[in-house]
């Protein structure tokens, strides 16, 4: 709220460059927030895709979690007014790749009742296929 007051003051004073700098900062903060949310849902998505890949099965709970994660990521990534997206498939893939190590650790706690360490589970799954499957679910 303070930023909006500052923008108004700068505009009234004719300091457009200063006002635009604050707008740029607000846009960057907004995008950063969206990326953080996408990362969180991306990790959840990967956990369930990893479990499916490792155990060669699925459950209703996993399917619903996958659907919910995809829905939320698509909702967060969708630009409301311009009908575009904030992040490209390449940028989404980068976020998923960065979240993959966390997802494999968390999936190791759940897959096969937690019998395998993250490193062992990682050798049991096809990382590129999982990442590819995740990107395909976004349909951008």
N, C-alpha and C. Protein backbone atom coordinates (compact mmCIF):
# COMPACT_ATOMS: atom_id res chain seq x y z
N UNK A 1 0.82 -1.18 0.00
CA UNK A 1 0.00 0.00 0.00
C UNK A 1 0.86 1.25 0.00
N UNK A 2 1.95 1.19 0.75
CA UNK A 2 2.88 2.31 0.82
C UNK A 2 3.44 2.64 -0.56
N UNK A 3 3.70 1.60 -1.34
CA UNK A 3 4.24 1.79 -2.68
C UNK A 3 3.26 2.56 -3.57
N UNK A 4 1.98 2.27 -3.44
CA UNK A 4 0.97 2.96 -4.25
C UNK A 4 0.91 4.44 -3.89
N UNK A 5 1.03 4.73 -2.62
CA UNK A 5 1.04 6.13 -2.18
C UNK A 5 2.26 6.84 -2.75
N UNK A 6 3.39 6.15 -2.73
CA UNK A 6 4.62 6.71 -3.28
C UNK A 6 4.49 6.94 -4.78
N UNK A 7 3.91 6.00 -5.49
CA UNK A 7 3.70 6.16 -6.93
C UNK A 7 2.84 7.38 -7.20
N UNK A 8 1.75 7.51 -6.47
CA UNK A 8 0.86 8.66 -6.64
C UNK A 8 1.63 9.98 -6.42
N UNK A 9 2.43 10.01 -5.36
CA UNK A 9 3.19 11.23 -5.06
C UNK A 9 4.18 11.54 -6.17
N UNK A 10 4.88 10.52 -6.65
CA UNK A 10 5.84 10.74 -7.73
C UNK A 10 5.15 11.24 -9.00
N UNK A 11 3.99 10.68 -9.31
CA UNK A 11 3.25 11.13 -10.50
C UNK A 11 2.80 12.57 -10.32
N UNK A 12 2.29 12.91 -9.16
CA UNK A 12 1.85 14.28 -8.90
C UNK A 12 3.01 15.27 -8.97
N UNK A 13 4.20 14.80 -8.62
CA UNK A 13 5.39 15.65 -8.65
C UNK A 13 6.06 15.64 -10.03
N UNK A 14 5.50 14.85 -10.95
CA UNK A 14 6.09 14.77 -12.28
C UNK A 14 7.33 13.89 -12.36
N UNK A 15 7.56 13.09 -11.34
CA UNK A 15 8.73 12.19 -11.30
C UNK A 15 8.33 10.82 -11.84
N UNK A 16 8.12 10.76 -13.15
CA UNK A 16 7.63 9.53 -13.77
C UNK A 16 8.64 8.39 -13.72
N UNK A 17 9.92 8.69 -13.87
CA UNK A 17 10.93 7.62 -13.81
C UNK A 17 10.93 6.93 -12.45
N UNK A 18 10.82 7.72 -11.38
CA UNK A 18 10.79 7.16 -10.04
C UNK A 18 9.53 6.30 -9.84
N UNK A 19 8.40 6.81 -10.35
CA UNK A 19 7.15 6.05 -10.25
C UNK A 19 7.27 4.74 -11.01
N UNK A 20 7.85 4.78 -12.21
CA UNK A 20 8.01 3.56 -13.01
C UNK A 20 8.96 2.56 -12.36
N UNK A 21 9.96 3.06 -11.65
CA UNK A 21 10.87 2.16 -10.93
C UNK A 21 10.11 1.37 -9.87
N UNK A 22 9.21 2.02 -9.16
CA UNK A 22 8.41 1.34 -8.15
C UNK A 22 7.48 0.34 -8.81
N UNK A 23 6.88 0.71 -9.94
CA UNK A 23 6.03 -0.22 -10.69
C UNK A 23 6.83 -1.45 -11.09
N UNK A 24 8.05 -1.25 -11.58
CA UNK A 24 8.91 -2.38 -11.96
C UNK A 24 9.19 -3.29 -10.76
N UNK A 25 9.46 -2.69 -9.61
CA UNK A 25 9.71 -3.47 -8.39
C UNK A 25 8.48 -4.28 -7.99
N UNK A 26 7.30 -3.67 -8.10
CA UNK A 26 6.07 -4.37 -7.76
C UNK A 26 5.81 -5.53 -8.72
N UNK A 27 6.08 -5.31 -10.00
CA UNK A 27 5.91 -6.39 -10.98
C UNK A 27 6.86 -7.54 -10.68
N UNK A 28 8.10 -7.21 -10.33
CA UNK A 28 9.10 -8.24 -10.01
C UNK A 28 8.68 -9.03 -8.77
N UNK A 29 8.17 -8.32 -7.76
CA UNK A 29 7.71 -9.00 -6.55
C UNK A 29 6.54 -9.93 -6.86
N UNK A 30 5.63 -9.48 -7.70
CA UNK A 30 4.47 -10.29 -8.07
C UNK A 30 4.90 -11.54 -8.82
N UNK A 31 5.81 -11.39 -9.77
CA UNK A 31 6.29 -12.54 -10.53
C UNK A 31 7.04 -13.51 -9.62
N UNK A 32 7.83 -12.98 -8.70
CA UNK A 32 8.57 -13.82 -7.76
C UNK A 32 7.61 -14.65 -6.90
N UNK A 33 6.52 -14.02 -6.47
CA UNK A 33 5.51 -14.72 -5.69
C UNK A 33 4.87 -15.84 -6.51
N UNK A 34 4.56 -15.56 -7.77
CA UNK A 34 3.98 -16.57 -8.65
C UNK A 34 4.94 -17.74 -8.85
N UNK A 35 6.22 -17.44 -9.04
CA UNK A 35 7.22 -18.48 -9.24
C UNK A 35 7.32 -19.36 -7.99
N UNK A 36 7.30 -18.75 -6.81
CA UNK A 36 7.37 -19.52 -5.56
C UNK A 36 6.17 -20.45 -5.42
N UNK A 37 4.98 -19.96 -5.77
CA UNK A 37 3.78 -20.80 -5.68
C UNK A 37 3.84 -21.94 -6.70
N UNK A 38 4.27 -21.62 -7.91
CA UNK A 38 4.40 -22.64 -8.95
C UNK A 38 5.41 -23.70 -8.52
N UNK A 39 6.51 -23.26 -7.91
CA UNK A 39 7.52 -24.19 -7.42
C UNK A 39 6.93 -25.13 -6.37
N UNK A 40 6.15 -24.60 -5.45
CA UNK A 40 5.55 -25.44 -4.40
C UNK A 40 4.60 -26.48 -4.99
N UNK A 41 3.72 -26.04 -5.89
CA UNK A 41 2.82 -27.00 -6.52
C UNK A 41 3.57 -27.95 -7.45
N UNK A 42 4.64 -27.46 -8.05
CA UNK A 42 5.46 -28.32 -8.91
C UNK A 42 6.10 -29.46 -8.15
N UNK A 43 6.57 -29.19 -6.95
CA UNK A 43 7.16 -30.24 -6.12
C UNK A 43 6.11 -31.29 -5.77
N UNK A 44 4.92 -30.85 -5.41
CA UNK A 44 3.83 -31.78 -5.10
C UNK A 44 3.50 -32.64 -6.31
N UNK A 45 3.42 -32.00 -7.46
CA UNK A 45 3.16 -32.72 -8.71
C UNK A 45 4.24 -33.78 -8.95
N UNK A 46 5.50 -33.38 -8.82
CA UNK A 46 6.60 -34.31 -9.06
C UNK A 46 6.62 -35.47 -8.07
N UNK A 47 6.29 -35.21 -6.82
CA UNK A 47 6.27 -36.28 -5.82
C UNK A 47 5.35 -37.40 -6.28
N UNK A 48 4.16 -37.05 -6.74
CA UNK A 48 3.19 -38.07 -7.13
C UNK A 48 3.56 -38.72 -8.47
N UNK A 49 4.14 -37.96 -9.38
CA UNK A 49 4.60 -38.57 -10.63
C UNK A 49 5.77 -39.52 -10.38
N UNK A 50 6.63 -39.16 -9.47
CA UNK A 50 7.75 -40.04 -9.09
C UNK A 50 7.22 -41.33 -8.47
N UNK A 51 6.27 -41.21 -7.55
CA UNK A 51 5.70 -42.40 -6.92
C UNK A 51 5.02 -43.30 -7.96
N UNK A 52 4.28 -42.70 -8.87
CA UNK A 52 3.64 -43.48 -9.94
C UNK A 52 4.69 -44.22 -10.76
N UNK A 53 5.74 -43.50 -11.13
CA UNK A 53 6.79 -44.08 -11.97
C UNK A 53 7.52 -45.19 -11.23
N UNK A 54 7.81 -44.98 -9.97
CA UNK A 54 8.57 -45.96 -9.18
C UNK A 54 7.75 -47.20 -8.89
N UNK A 55 6.52 -47.00 -8.45
CA UNK A 55 5.69 -48.13 -8.02
C UNK A 55 4.87 -48.75 -9.15
N UNK A 56 4.92 -48.11 -10.33
CA UNK A 56 4.18 -48.63 -11.50
C UNK A 56 2.70 -48.80 -11.19
N UNK A 57 2.17 -47.84 -10.43
CA UNK A 57 0.75 -47.85 -10.09
C UNK A 57 0.35 -46.44 -9.70
N UNK A 58 -0.94 -46.26 -9.46
CA UNK A 58 -1.43 -44.97 -9.01
C UNK A 58 -2.57 -45.19 -8.03
N UNK A 59 -2.90 -44.13 -7.31
CA UNK A 59 -4.05 -44.18 -6.41
C UNK A 59 -4.95 -42.99 -6.74
N UNK A 60 -6.18 -43.04 -6.29
CA UNK A 60 -7.09 -41.91 -6.51
C UNK A 60 -6.52 -40.65 -5.86
N UNK A 61 -5.94 -40.80 -4.70
CA UNK A 61 -5.36 -39.67 -3.99
C UNK A 61 -4.24 -39.02 -4.80
N UNK A 62 -3.36 -39.83 -5.37
CA UNK A 62 -2.28 -39.30 -6.19
C UNK A 62 -2.84 -38.59 -7.42
N UNK A 63 -3.83 -39.21 -8.06
CA UNK A 63 -4.42 -38.62 -9.26
C UNK A 63 -5.04 -37.27 -8.95
N UNK A 64 -5.76 -37.19 -7.84
CA UNK A 64 -6.39 -35.92 -7.46
C UNK A 64 -5.33 -34.88 -7.12
N UNK A 65 -4.27 -35.29 -6.45
CA UNK A 65 -3.19 -34.36 -6.13
C UNK A 65 -2.52 -33.85 -7.40
N UNK A 66 -2.31 -34.72 -8.36
CA UNK A 66 -1.72 -34.32 -9.65
C UNK A 66 -2.64 -33.33 -10.35
N UNK A 67 -3.92 -33.66 -10.42
CA UNK A 67 -4.88 -32.77 -11.08
C UNK A 67 -4.94 -31.41 -10.39
N UNK A 68 -4.95 -31.42 -9.07
CA UNK A 68 -5.00 -30.16 -8.32
C UNK A 68 -3.74 -29.33 -8.55
N UNK A 69 -2.59 -29.96 -8.53
CA UNK A 69 -1.33 -29.23 -8.75
C UNK A 69 -1.29 -28.61 -10.13
N UNK A 70 -1.70 -29.37 -11.14
CA UNK A 70 -1.71 -28.85 -12.51
C UNK A 70 -2.69 -27.69 -12.62
N UNK A 71 -3.87 -27.84 -12.04
CA UNK A 71 -4.88 -26.78 -12.08
C UNK A 71 -4.35 -25.51 -11.43
N UNK A 72 -3.73 -25.64 -10.27
CA UNK A 72 -3.22 -24.46 -9.55
C UNK A 72 -2.07 -23.81 -10.31
N UNK A 73 -1.18 -24.62 -10.86
CA UNK A 73 -0.06 -24.05 -11.62
C UNK A 73 -0.58 -23.30 -12.84
N UNK A 74 -1.52 -23.90 -13.55
CA UNK A 74 -2.10 -23.23 -14.72
C UNK A 74 -2.81 -21.94 -14.32
N UNK A 75 -3.51 -21.96 -13.20
CA UNK A 75 -4.23 -20.78 -12.73
C UNK A 75 -3.26 -19.66 -12.36
N UNK A 76 -2.21 -20.00 -11.64
CA UNK A 76 -1.22 -19.01 -11.22
C UNK A 76 -0.47 -18.45 -12.42
N UNK A 77 -0.17 -19.31 -13.38
CA UNK A 77 0.65 -18.92 -14.53
C UNK A 77 -0.13 -18.12 -15.58
N UNK A 78 -1.44 -18.18 -15.54
CA UNK A 78 -2.27 -17.53 -16.57
C UNK A 78 -2.38 -16.03 -16.31
N UNK A 79 -2.08 -15.26 -17.33
CA UNK A 79 -2.28 -13.81 -17.25
C UNK A 79 -3.77 -13.53 -17.43
N UNK A 80 -4.35 -12.77 -16.54
CA UNK A 80 -5.79 -12.54 -16.55
C UNK A 80 -6.22 -11.63 -17.70
N UNK A 81 -5.51 -10.54 -17.92
CA UNK A 81 -5.96 -9.53 -18.88
C UNK A 81 -5.43 -9.76 -20.28
N UNK A 82 -4.22 -10.25 -20.41
CA UNK A 82 -3.62 -10.37 -21.75
C UNK A 82 -3.79 -11.75 -22.35
N UNK A 83 -4.40 -12.67 -21.61
CA UNK A 83 -4.66 -14.03 -22.11
C UNK A 83 -3.40 -14.82 -22.42
N UNK A 84 -2.28 -14.42 -21.89
CA UNK A 84 -1.04 -15.16 -22.09
C UNK A 84 -0.64 -15.87 -20.81
N UNK A 85 0.64 -16.18 -20.73
CA UNK A 85 1.18 -16.85 -19.55
C UNK A 85 2.38 -16.07 -19.04
N UNK A 86 2.61 -16.15 -17.75
CA UNK A 86 3.78 -15.50 -17.16
C UNK A 86 5.05 -16.25 -17.53
N UNK A 87 4.99 -17.59 -17.46
CA UNK A 87 6.17 -18.42 -17.70
C UNK A 87 5.95 -19.31 -18.91
N UNK A 88 7.01 -19.48 -19.68
CA UNK A 88 6.97 -20.38 -20.83
C UNK A 88 7.17 -21.82 -20.36
N UNK A 89 6.97 -22.77 -21.27
CA UNK A 89 7.23 -24.17 -20.93
C UNK A 89 8.69 -24.37 -20.51
N UNK A 90 9.60 -23.68 -21.16
CA UNK A 90 11.02 -23.80 -20.81
C UNK A 90 11.27 -23.30 -19.39
N UNK A 91 10.63 -22.20 -19.03
CA UNK A 91 10.79 -21.66 -17.67
C UNK A 91 10.12 -22.57 -16.64
N UNK A 92 8.97 -23.13 -16.99
CA UNK A 92 8.31 -24.08 -16.09
C UNK A 92 9.19 -25.32 -15.90
N UNK A 93 9.79 -25.79 -16.99
CA UNK A 93 10.68 -26.95 -16.90
C UNK A 93 11.86 -26.66 -15.98
N UNK A 94 12.42 -25.47 -16.09
CA UNK A 94 13.53 -25.09 -15.23
C UNK A 94 13.13 -25.12 -13.75
N UNK A 95 11.94 -24.61 -13.45
CA UNK A 95 11.45 -24.63 -12.07
C UNK A 95 11.28 -26.07 -11.59
N UNK A 96 10.71 -26.92 -12.45
CA UNK A 96 10.53 -28.33 -12.09
C UNK A 96 11.87 -29.02 -11.89
N UNK A 97 12.83 -28.73 -12.74
CA UNK A 97 14.16 -29.34 -12.59
C UNK A 97 14.81 -28.94 -11.28
N UNK A 98 14.62 -27.68 -10.90
CA UNK A 98 15.18 -27.21 -9.63
C UNK A 98 14.47 -27.85 -8.44
N UNK A 99 13.18 -28.13 -8.57
CA UNK A 99 12.42 -28.74 -7.48
C UNK A 99 12.54 -30.25 -7.42
N UNK A 100 13.07 -30.86 -8.47
CA UNK A 100 13.13 -32.32 -8.55
C UNK A 100 13.89 -32.96 -7.37
N UNK A 101 15.07 -32.45 -6.98
CA UNK A 101 15.78 -33.07 -5.84
C UNK A 101 14.95 -33.07 -4.55
N UNK A 102 14.20 -32.02 -4.32
CA UNK A 102 13.34 -31.97 -3.13
C UNK A 102 12.22 -33.00 -3.27
N UNK A 103 11.64 -33.06 -4.46
CA UNK A 103 10.54 -34.01 -4.70
C UNK A 103 11.00 -35.44 -4.53
N UNK A 104 12.19 -35.78 -4.99
CA UNK A 104 12.66 -37.17 -4.88
C UNK A 104 12.88 -37.53 -3.41
N UNK A 105 13.35 -36.57 -2.62
CA UNK A 105 13.54 -36.83 -1.18
C UNK A 105 12.20 -37.05 -0.49
N UNK A 106 11.23 -36.23 -0.82
CA UNK A 106 9.91 -36.38 -0.20
C UNK A 106 9.20 -37.62 -0.69
N UNK A 107 9.36 -37.94 -1.97
CA UNK A 107 8.74 -39.15 -2.52
C UNK A 107 9.35 -40.40 -1.87
N UNK A 108 10.63 -40.34 -1.54
CA UNK A 108 11.29 -41.48 -0.91
C UNK A 108 10.66 -41.80 0.45
N UNK A 109 10.12 -40.80 1.10
CA UNK A 109 9.47 -41.02 2.40
C UNK A 109 8.15 -41.77 2.25
N UNK A 110 7.54 -41.67 1.05
CA UNK A 110 6.21 -42.23 0.84
C UNK A 110 6.20 -43.47 -0.04
N UNK A 111 7.00 -43.49 -1.09
CA UNK A 111 6.99 -44.62 -2.02
C UNK A 111 7.50 -45.87 -1.33
N UNK A 112 6.88 -46.99 -1.63
CA UNK A 112 7.29 -48.27 -1.05
C UNK A 112 7.38 -48.21 0.47
N UNK A 113 6.44 -47.48 1.07
CA UNK A 113 6.39 -47.29 2.53
C UNK A 113 7.71 -46.75 3.09
N UNK A 114 8.43 -45.98 2.31
CA UNK A 114 9.66 -45.34 2.79
C UNK A 114 10.86 -46.26 2.91
N UNK A 115 10.83 -47.40 2.23
CA UNK A 115 11.93 -48.38 2.36
C UNK A 115 13.23 -47.94 1.72
N UNK A 116 13.16 -47.00 0.77
CA UNK A 116 14.36 -46.63 0.02
C UNK A 116 14.77 -45.19 0.32
N UNK A 117 16.06 -44.98 0.33
CA UNK A 117 16.59 -43.63 0.46
C UNK A 117 16.37 -42.89 -0.86
N UNK A 118 16.47 -41.59 -0.82
CA UNK A 118 16.23 -40.77 -2.01
C UNK A 118 17.15 -41.17 -3.16
N UNK A 119 18.41 -41.46 -2.85
CA UNK A 119 19.36 -41.83 -3.89
C UNK A 119 18.96 -43.15 -4.55
N UNK A 120 18.47 -44.09 -3.75
CA UNK A 120 18.03 -45.38 -4.30
C UNK A 120 16.79 -45.19 -5.16
N UNK A 121 15.84 -44.42 -4.66
CA UNK A 121 14.61 -44.17 -5.42
C UNK A 121 14.94 -43.48 -6.74
N UNK A 122 15.88 -42.56 -6.71
CA UNK A 122 16.26 -41.83 -7.93
C UNK A 122 16.73 -42.77 -9.03
N UNK A 123 17.37 -43.87 -8.65
CA UNK A 123 17.85 -44.82 -9.67
C UNK A 123 16.72 -45.69 -10.21
N UNK A 124 15.58 -45.68 -9.54
CA UNK A 124 14.46 -46.52 -9.93
C UNK A 124 13.49 -45.82 -10.87
N UNK A 125 13.66 -44.52 -11.07
CA UNK A 125 12.72 -43.76 -11.89
C UNK A 125 13.44 -43.10 -13.06
N UNK A 126 12.64 -42.69 -14.03
CA UNK A 126 13.15 -42.04 -15.22
C UNK A 126 12.90 -40.54 -15.11
N UNK A 127 13.91 -39.83 -14.62
CA UNK A 127 13.79 -38.39 -14.39
C UNK A 127 13.34 -37.63 -15.64
N UNK A 128 14.00 -37.80 -16.80
CA UNK A 128 13.55 -37.05 -17.98
C UNK A 128 12.10 -37.34 -18.36
N UNK A 129 11.68 -38.58 -18.22
CA UNK A 129 10.29 -38.94 -18.56
C UNK A 129 9.31 -38.28 -17.59
N UNK A 130 9.66 -38.22 -16.33
CA UNK A 130 8.80 -37.60 -15.33
C UNK A 130 8.67 -36.10 -15.60
N UNK A 131 9.78 -35.44 -15.88
CA UNK A 131 9.76 -34.01 -16.17
C UNK A 131 8.97 -33.73 -17.45
N UNK A 132 9.16 -34.58 -18.43
CA UNK A 132 8.43 -34.43 -19.69
C UNK A 132 6.93 -34.61 -19.47
N UNK A 133 6.57 -35.61 -18.68
CA UNK A 133 5.16 -35.86 -18.37
C UNK A 133 4.56 -34.65 -17.65
N UNK A 134 5.30 -34.07 -16.73
CA UNK A 134 4.81 -32.91 -15.99
C UNK A 134 4.54 -31.74 -16.94
N UNK A 135 5.47 -31.47 -17.83
CA UNK A 135 5.29 -30.37 -18.78
C UNK A 135 4.10 -30.62 -19.69
N UNK A 136 3.93 -31.86 -20.12
CA UNK A 136 2.79 -32.20 -20.99
C UNK A 136 1.46 -31.92 -20.31
N UNK A 137 1.41 -32.04 -19.01
CA UNK A 137 0.17 -31.83 -18.27
C UNK A 137 -0.26 -30.36 -18.29
N UNK A 138 0.68 -29.44 -18.51
CA UNK A 138 0.34 -28.02 -18.50
C UNK A 138 -0.34 -27.56 -19.78
N UNK A 139 -0.05 -28.19 -20.89
CA UNK A 139 -0.69 -27.89 -22.18
C UNK A 139 -0.66 -26.41 -22.53
N UNK A 140 0.52 -25.81 -22.47
CA UNK A 140 0.65 -24.40 -22.86
C UNK A 140 0.97 -24.33 -24.35
